[in-house]
Amino acid sequence: MTTYRFDIDQAVAHLQKTLMPKMKDAIVRGMHSSALRLEGLMVEEIDTAKPYPAVDTGGLRASIKTELGRDSATVYSDAPYAGAIEFGTRPFRPPLEPIAEWILRKKIATEMDDVQGIAFAIANKMSKEGIKPRHFTKKAVARFLPFLKAEVEREIDAM
């Protein structure tokens, strides 16, 4: 009779040597594909933000990017105002000109007296209330986590 006996420490050492590199690669593949999905979810959340979509020129949507590292993935927005849309702001007095341009783009008013009056009213409200947060990233990440789990499990099952 031939016997081979091994203990838990030997099993762990063997698995770390043989299985862990494959597991790590599978997890990274799952992370990378999931990160690309998160990018899409962030855009969806921008388009459906409450109380109204955070869309004007499409700049925020276009600013969502994904960088895939060797062992990581980063999804981010490089729009300078993304933080204000995500987290909101304290009350502040914005300049009137960008608000007036927005009013004209959205065709809320076309007469300059009306445009200026509406712009002033919006700026006045912002000076009292700030901007409410939209949390487009936070909402997208909540939707993303189950997808990440499923994607990593799929990659591990395919090993």
Protein backbone atom coordinates (compact mmCIF):
# COMPACT_ATOMS: atom_id res chain seq x y z
CA MET A 1 0.00 0.00 0.00
CA THR A 2 1.27 3.44 -0.96
CA THR A 3 0.16 6.46 1.01
CA TYR A 4 0.58 10.14 0.46
CA ARG A 5 -0.42 12.33 3.34
CA PHE A 6 -0.55 16.11 3.24
CA ASP A 7 -1.83 18.73 5.63
CA ILE A 8 -3.74 21.96 5.19
CA ASP A 9 -0.58 24.08 5.03
CA GLN A 10 0.76 22.00 2.15
CA ALA A 11 -2.61 22.16 0.34
CA VAL A 12 -2.75 25.93 0.74
CA ALA A 13 0.85 26.31 -0.46
CA HIS A 14 0.14 24.14 -3.51
CA LEU A 15 -3.06 26.02 -4.36
CA GLN A 16 -1.33 29.36 -3.96
CA LYS A 17 1.33 28.25 -6.39
CA THR A 18 -0.94 26.66 -8.99
CA LEU A 19 -4.45 28.07 -8.66
CA MET A 20 -4.03 31.60 -7.32
CA PRO A 21 -2.37 33.10 -10.42
CA LYS A 22 -5.25 31.77 -12.55
CA MET A 23 -7.81 33.05 -10.04
CA LYS A 24 -6.18 36.46 -9.98
CA ASP A 25 -6.26 36.66 -13.78
CA ALA A 26 -9.93 35.62 -13.82
CA ILE A 27 -10.80 38.25 -11.19
CA VAL A 28 -8.96 40.96 -13.13
CA ARG A 29 -10.79 40.01 -16.35
CA GLY A 30 -14.09 40.21 -14.47
CA MET A 31 -13.13 43.58 -12.98
CA HIS A 32 -12.15 44.98 -16.38
CA SER A 33 -15.36 43.94 -18.14
CA SER A 34 -17.40 45.16 -15.16
CA ALA A 35 -15.67 48.54 -15.20
CA LEU A 36 -16.76 49.07 -18.79
CA ARG A 37 -20.32 48.25 -17.71
CA LEU A 38 -20.04 50.76 -14.84
CA GLU A 39 -19.13 53.46 -17.36
CA GLY A 40 -22.42 52.77 -19.16
CA LEU A 41 -24.39 52.69 -15.91
CA MET A 42 -23.01 56.11 -14.95
CA VAL A 43 -24.18 57.55 -18.26
CA GLU A 44 -27.62 55.97 -17.73
CA GLU A 45 -27.84 57.53 -14.26
CA ILE A 46 -26.91 60.95 -15.67
CA ASP A 47 -29.71 60.59 -18.21
CA THR A 48 -32.29 59.59 -15.59
CA ALA A 49 -31.20 61.75 -12.62
CA LYS A 50 -33.94 63.15 -10.42
CA PRO A 51 -35.48 65.70 -10.13
CA TYR A 52 -34.41 66.07 -13.79
CA PRO A 53 -31.62 64.65 -15.98
CA ALA A 54 -28.20 66.21 -15.55
CA VAL A 55 -27.89 66.78 -19.30
CA ASP A 56 -27.35 69.99 -21.22
CA THR A 57 -24.64 69.76 -23.86
CA GLY A 58 -23.63 66.14 -23.24
CA GLY A 59 -20.32 67.18 -21.70
CA LEU A 60 -20.86 65.25 -18.46
CA ARG A 61 -21.80 62.09 -20.36
CA ALA A 62 -18.75 62.42 -22.60
CA SER A 63 -16.48 62.96 -19.58
CA ILE A 64 -17.08 59.46 -18.17
CA LYS A 65 -13.98 57.38 -18.85
CA THR A 66 -12.49 54.03 -17.89
CA GLU A 67 -8.82 53.24 -17.37
CA LEU A 68 -7.87 49.58 -17.12
CA GLY A 69 -4.69 48.92 -15.16
CA ARG A 70 -2.79 45.67 -14.88
CA ASP A 71 -4.59 44.77 -11.64
CA SER A 72 -7.15 47.55 -11.40
CA ALA A 73 -9.88 49.50 -13.11
CA THR A 74 -10.80 53.15 -12.63
CA VAL A 75 -14.04 54.74 -13.82
CA TYR A 76 -14.18 58.51 -13.48
CA SER A 77 -15.48 61.78 -14.85
CA ASP A 78 -13.01 64.48 -15.79
CA ALA A 79 -15.67 67.20 -16.14
CA PRO A 80 -14.76 70.04 -13.78
CA TYR A 81 -18.36 70.27 -12.57
CA ALA A 82 -18.95 66.52 -12.06
CA GLY A 83 -18.48 66.81 -8.30
CA ALA A 84 -21.08 69.56 -8.06
CA ILE A 85 -23.59 67.38 -9.95
CA GLU A 86 -22.74 64.25 -7.92
CA PHE A 87 -22.64 65.80 -4.43
CA GLY A 88 -24.53 69.07 -4.88
CA THR A 89 -23.30 72.42 -3.63
CA ARG A 90 -23.82 74.81 -0.80
CA PRO A 91 -25.58 78.04 -1.69
CA PHE A 92 -23.51 80.26 -4.01
CA ARG A 93 -24.08 83.10 -6.45
CA PRO A 94 -23.34 81.84 -9.99
CA PRO A 95 -22.55 84.14 -12.91
CA LEU A 96 -25.62 85.03 -14.98
CA GLU A 97 -24.12 84.58 -18.46
CA PRO A 98 -23.85 80.74 -18.44
CA ILE A 99 -27.39 80.49 -17.04
CA ALA A 100 -28.67 82.83 -19.78
CA GLU A 101 -26.90 80.71 -22.43
CA TRP A 102 -28.53 77.60 -20.97
CA ILE A 103 -31.97 79.27 -21.08
CA LEU A 104 -31.44 80.11 -24.76
CA ARG A 105 -30.17 76.57 -25.58
CA LYS A 106 -33.18 74.99 -23.87
CA LYS A 107 -35.50 77.52 -25.56
CA ILE A 108 -37.06 78.40 -22.22
CA ALA A 109 -37.19 82.04 -23.39
CA THR A 110 -35.97 83.92 -26.46
CA GLU A 111 -36.54 87.57 -25.55
CA MET A 112 -33.44 88.92 -23.81
CA ASP A 113 -35.46 90.67 -21.09
CA ASP A 114 -37.16 87.38 -20.27
CA VAL A 115 -33.87 85.48 -20.45
CA GLN A 116 -32.19 87.92 -18.05
CA GLY A 117 -35.12 87.80 -15.62
CA ILE A 118 -35.20 84.00 -15.58
CA ALA A 119 -31.41 83.81 -15.24
CA PHE A 120 -31.56 86.19 -12.28
CA ALA A 121 -34.32 84.12 -10.64
CA ILE A 122 -32.33 80.89 -11.08
CA ALA A 123 -29.15 82.50 -9.73
CA ASN A 124 -31.11 83.89 -6.79
CA LYS A 125 -32.51 80.43 -5.99
CA MET A 126 -29.01 78.91 -6.23
CA SER A 127 -27.71 81.58 -3.87
CA LYS A 128 -30.28 80.42 -1.30
CA GLU A 129 -30.41 76.65 -1.90
CA GLY A 130 -27.30 75.64 -3.83
CA ILE A 131 -27.58 72.66 -6.17
CA LYS A 132 -29.21 69.42 -5.04
CA PRO A 133 -27.02 66.30 -5.38
CA ARG A 134 -27.84 63.83 -8.15
CA HIS A 135 -25.57 60.97 -6.94
CA PHE A 136 -25.24 59.52 -10.44
CA THR A 137 -22.00 57.69 -9.50
CA LYS A 138 -23.34 56.36 -6.20
CA LYS A 139 -26.49 55.02 -7.90
CA ALA A 140 -24.48 53.46 -10.73
CA VAL A 141 -22.10 51.73 -8.30
CA ALA A 142 -25.06 50.26 -6.39
CA ARG A 143 -26.36 48.79 -9.65
CA PHE A 144 -22.84 47.69 -10.65
CA LEU A 145 -21.87 45.58 -7.62
CA PRO A 146 -24.10 42.56 -8.45
CA PHE A 147 -22.80 42.69 -12.03
CA LEU A 148 -19.18 42.69 -10.75
CA LYS A 149 -19.88 39.62 -8.63
CA ALA A 150 -21.53 37.77 -11.52
CA GLU A 151 -18.79 38.71 -13.97
CA VAL A 152 -15.98 37.55 -11.65
CA GLU A 153 -17.86 34.30 -10.94
CA ARG A 154 -18.32 33.74 -14.67
CA GLU A 155 -14.59 34.19 -15.28
CA ILE A 156 -13.69 31.83 -12.42
CA ASP A 157 -16.13 29.21 -13.69
CA ALA A 158 -14.51 29.44 -17.14
CA MET A 159 -11.06 28.56 -15.74
